[in-house]
Amino acid sequence: MQLVRGNGFAATSVDQLCAHAGVTKGAFFHHFASKEALGVAAADYWSECTGAFFAEAPFHHHADPVDRVLGYIDLRLALIGGPVESFSCVAGTMVQEAFRSSAAIRIACEASIIGNARALEADIAEAMVQRGVTGTTAESLSRHVQVVIQGAFVVAKTQEESAAPDMARDALRHLRRYFEFLFRVPQERSADQ
């Protein structure tokens, strides 16, 4: 994961992967028919790990669905720090490179990113009902969250290492404000967050 996050999927060679993992090329090809197969496995593993991490996150304990949605965004904000490869998304990085060259990697990355969005849908749907939000769907809003997060990571990669986290955090702060406005969070409550 480190090599793909830092170098990108295409720029990471099988030789580099083997050296980093401490295995031979023969061992690599015993487990993976191709580098593409490794990419699919990496996206699947990323989904499994991040899915478990977010499923156990404390924001789920909030009684108010608006607090759960904002808590998710706050968690994503808290995870941003250090070099961009330490907080960016493996699936997002790989799909940017392989969306046309590998349908298998694109589909695995879609499952990861959209799976993360789907995990937020129920909380958004409940918040929409509670706050009387109409004219959109929880599915669309949950995808919007992922669009902003993935976009924040891409734009952060355009910055020098020291500026990258602030660039990403700024985008997520705007996302939080969007949901505060959408769900009509009182200003005094919003300022406490």
Protein backbone atom coordinates (compact mmCIF):
# COMPACT_ATOMS: atom_id res chain seq x y z
CA MET A 1 0.00 0.00 0.00
CA GLN A 2 2.81 2.42 0.88
CA LEU A 3 4.45 2.14 -2.51
CA VAL A 4 1.20 2.64 -4.42
CA ARG A 5 0.20 5.60 -2.25
CA GLY A 6 3.62 7.19 -2.66
CA ASN A 7 4.56 6.35 -6.25
CA GLY A 8 1.28 5.46 -7.90
CA PHE A 9 0.29 2.07 -9.23
CA ALA A 10 1.83 2.38 -12.69
CA ALA A 11 5.14 3.72 -11.38
CA THR A 12 5.48 0.91 -8.84
CA SER A 13 7.22 -2.05 -10.44
CA VAL A 14 6.81 -5.70 -9.52
CA ASP A 15 10.51 -5.67 -8.59
CA GLN A 16 9.90 -2.81 -6.15
CA LEU A 17 6.89 -4.58 -4.68
CA CYS A 18 8.87 -7.78 -4.20
CA ALA A 19 11.82 -5.96 -2.61
CA HIS A 20 9.51 -4.03 -0.28
CA ALA A 21 7.67 -7.20 0.75
CA GLY A 22 10.84 -9.27 0.99
CA VAL A 23 9.65 -11.91 -1.47
CA THR A 24 10.91 -13.24 -4.77
CA LYS A 25 9.26 -12.62 -8.12
CA GLY A 26 8.42 -16.31 -8.20
CA ALA A 27 6.54 -15.96 -4.92
CA PHE A 28 4.76 -12.88 -6.26
CA PHE A 29 3.57 -14.67 -9.40
CA HIS A 30 2.60 -17.72 -7.34
CA HIS A 31 0.02 -15.52 -5.59
CA PHE A 32 -0.88 -13.10 -8.39
CA ALA A 33 -1.25 -13.92 -12.07
CA SER A 34 -0.29 -10.36 -12.97
CA LYS A 35 0.36 -6.91 -11.57
CA GLU A 36 -3.27 -6.13 -12.44
CA ALA A 37 -4.40 -9.02 -10.20
CA LEU A 38 -2.33 -7.50 -7.41
CA GLY A 39 -4.06 -4.15 -8.04
CA VAL A 40 -7.48 -5.77 -7.65
CA ALA A 41 -6.34 -7.56 -4.49
CA ALA A 42 -4.90 -4.31 -3.12
CA ALA A 43 -8.20 -2.47 -3.70
CA ASP A 44 -10.12 -5.34 -2.07
CA TYR A 45 -7.76 -5.37 0.92
CA TRP A 46 -8.00 -1.58 1.21
CA SER A 47 -11.81 -1.86 1.22
CA GLU A 48 -11.72 -4.51 3.90
CA CYS A 49 -9.36 -2.55 6.16
CA THR A 50 -10.95 0.87 5.75
CA GLY A 51 -14.45 -0.59 5.95
CA ALA A 52 -13.65 -2.21 9.29
CA PHE A 53 -11.95 0.95 10.55
CA PHE A 54 -14.88 3.22 9.71
CA ALA A 55 -17.46 0.68 10.94
CA GLU A 56 -15.88 0.83 14.41
CA ALA A 57 -15.44 4.61 14.50
CA PRO A 58 -16.88 6.54 17.47
CA PHE A 59 -19.12 8.79 15.35
CA HIS A 60 -21.59 5.89 15.11
CA HIS A 61 -22.39 6.33 18.81
CA HIS A 62 -24.06 9.73 18.33
CA ALA A 63 -27.82 9.52 18.77
CA ASP A 64 -28.47 12.34 16.29
CA PRO A 65 -27.96 11.33 12.63
CA VAL A 66 -26.72 14.84 11.78
CA ASP A 67 -24.02 14.40 14.43
CA ARG A 68 -23.10 11.04 12.88
CA VAL A 69 -22.70 12.59 9.42
CA LEU A 70 -20.69 15.52 10.77
CA GLY A 71 -18.74 13.10 12.98
CA TYR A 72 -17.72 11.11 9.91
CA ILE A 73 -16.44 14.28 8.24
CA ASP A 74 -14.66 15.28 11.45
CA LEU A 75 -12.96 11.89 11.55
CA ARG A 76 -11.85 12.27 7.95
CA LEU A 77 -10.46 15.70 8.86
CA ALA A 78 -8.59 14.25 11.84
CA LEU A 79 -6.97 11.59 9.65
CA ILE A 80 -5.34 14.20 7.41
CA GLY A 81 -1.76 14.92 8.38
CA GLY A 82 1.80 14.34 7.31
CA PRO A 83 2.78 13.62 3.74
CA VAL A 84 -0.11 13.17 1.31
CA GLU A 85 0.71 9.49 0.81
CA SER A 86 -0.02 8.92 4.51
CA PHE A 87 -3.62 10.12 4.25
CA SER A 88 -4.64 9.64 0.62
CA CYS A 89 -6.71 6.74 -0.67
CA VAL A 90 -5.16 3.69 -2.31
CA ALA A 91 -8.31 3.05 -4.37
CA GLY A 92 -8.49 6.68 -5.45
CA THR A 93 -4.83 6.70 -6.45
CA MET A 94 -5.11 3.48 -8.46
CA VAL A 95 -8.33 4.36 -10.26
CA GLN A 96 -6.91 7.69 -11.42
CA GLU A 97 -4.23 5.77 -13.28
CA ALA A 98 -6.03 2.61 -14.36
CA PHE A 99 -9.62 3.65 -15.09
CA ARG A 100 -9.17 3.12 -18.84
CA SER A 101 -6.41 0.54 -18.93
CA SER A 102 -7.87 -1.95 -16.43
CA ALA A 103 -11.58 -2.56 -16.03
CA ALA A 104 -10.83 -5.01 -13.20
CA ILE A 105 -8.93 -2.40 -11.17
CA ARG A 106 -11.54 0.27 -11.94
CA ILE A 107 -14.34 -1.99 -10.71
CA ALA A 108 -12.43 -2.95 -7.54
CA CYS A 109 -11.69 0.71 -6.81
CA GLU A 110 -15.30 1.67 -7.48
CA ALA A 111 -16.41 -0.98 -4.99
CA SER A 112 -14.06 0.52 -2.41
CA ILE A 113 -14.97 4.17 -2.90
CA ILE A 114 -18.70 3.69 -3.46
CA GLY A 115 -18.78 1.11 -0.66
CA ASN A 116 -17.49 3.80 1.67
CA ALA A 117 -20.21 6.13 0.40
CA ARG A 118 -22.92 3.51 0.94
CA ALA A 119 -21.82 3.09 4.55
CA LEU A 120 -22.90 6.71 5.15
CA GLU A 121 -26.24 6.53 3.31
CA ALA A 122 -28.44 5.42 6.21
CA ASP A 123 -27.20 8.23 8.47
CA ILE A 124 -27.69 10.80 5.71
CA ALA A 125 -31.18 9.43 4.94
CA GLU A 126 -32.17 9.63 8.60
CA ALA A 127 -30.78 13.18 8.87
CA MET A 128 -32.68 14.21 5.73
CA VAL A 129 -35.97 12.99 7.20
CA GLN A 130 -35.25 14.59 10.57
CA ARG A 131 -34.38 17.96 9.01
CA GLY A 132 -36.92 17.89 6.15
CA VAL A 133 -34.34 17.88 3.36
CA THR A 134 -35.86 17.15 -0.05
CA GLY A 135 -34.82 17.47 -3.67
CA THR A 136 -31.93 15.02 -3.49
CA THR A 137 -31.20 11.52 -2.23
CA ALA A 138 -29.04 10.05 0.49
CA GLU A 139 -27.29 8.04 -2.20
CA SER A 140 -26.36 11.18 -4.12
CA LEU A 141 -25.21 13.03 -1.00
CA SER A 142 -23.10 10.10 0.21
CA ARG A 143 -21.39 9.97 -3.18
CA HIS A 144 -20.83 13.74 -2.95
CA VAL A 145 -18.96 13.19 0.31
CA GLN A 146 -16.61 10.78 -1.45
CA VAL A 147 -16.22 13.10 -4.44
CA VAL A 148 -15.06 15.90 -2.14
CA ILE A 149 -12.73 13.62 -0.17
CA GLN A 150 -11.16 12.09 -3.29
CA GLY A 151 -10.91 15.51 -4.92
CA ALA A 152 -9.27 16.92 -1.80
CA PHE A 153 -6.63 14.20 -2.01
CA VAL A 154 -5.97 14.88 -5.70
CA VAL A 155 -5.62 18.63 -5.20
CA ALA A 156 -3.46 18.10 -2.10
CA LYS A 157 -1.05 16.17 -4.33
CA THR A 158 -0.45 19.38 -6.30
CA GLN A 159 1.05 21.03 -3.23
CA GLU A 160 4.44 20.92 -1.56
CA GLU A 161 4.48 18.34 1.23
CA SER A 162 4.06 20.93 3.99
CA ALA A 163 0.99 22.52 2.35
CA ALA A 164 -0.79 19.33 1.24
CA PRO A 165 -2.62 18.54 4.51
CA ASP A 166 -3.99 22.09 4.83
CA MET A 167 -5.26 21.98 1.24
CA ALA A 168 -7.13 18.73 1.92
CA ARG A 169 -8.46 19.88 5.29
CA ASP A 170 -9.77 23.09 3.75
CA ALA A 171 -11.87 21.12 1.26
CA LEU A 172 -13.30 18.92 4.02
CA ARG A 173 -14.10 21.95 6.18
CA HIS A 174 -16.15 23.30 3.27
CA LEU A 175 -17.87 19.91 3.01
CA ARG A 176 -18.73 20.08 6.70
CA ARG A 177 -20.15 23.59 6.28
CA TYR A 178 -22.23 22.38 3.34
CA PHE A 179 -23.85 19.71 5.51
CA GLU A 180 -24.33 22.19 8.37
CA PHE A 181 -26.24 24.46 5.97
CA LEU A 182 -28.14 21.57 4.39
CA PHE A 183 -29.22 20.18 7.76
CA ARG A 184 -29.73 23.66 9.24
CA VAL A 185 -27.33 23.19 12.13
CA PRO A 186 -27.64 26.21 14.46
CA GLN A 187 -24.62 28.53 14.26
CA GLU A 188 -23.82 28.25 17.98
CA ARG A 189 -23.78 24.45 17.74
CA SER A 190 -21.76 24.59 14.53
CA ALA A 191 -19.15 26.89 16.09
CA ASP A 192 -18.53 24.39 18.90
CA GLN A 193 -17.39 21.68 16.50
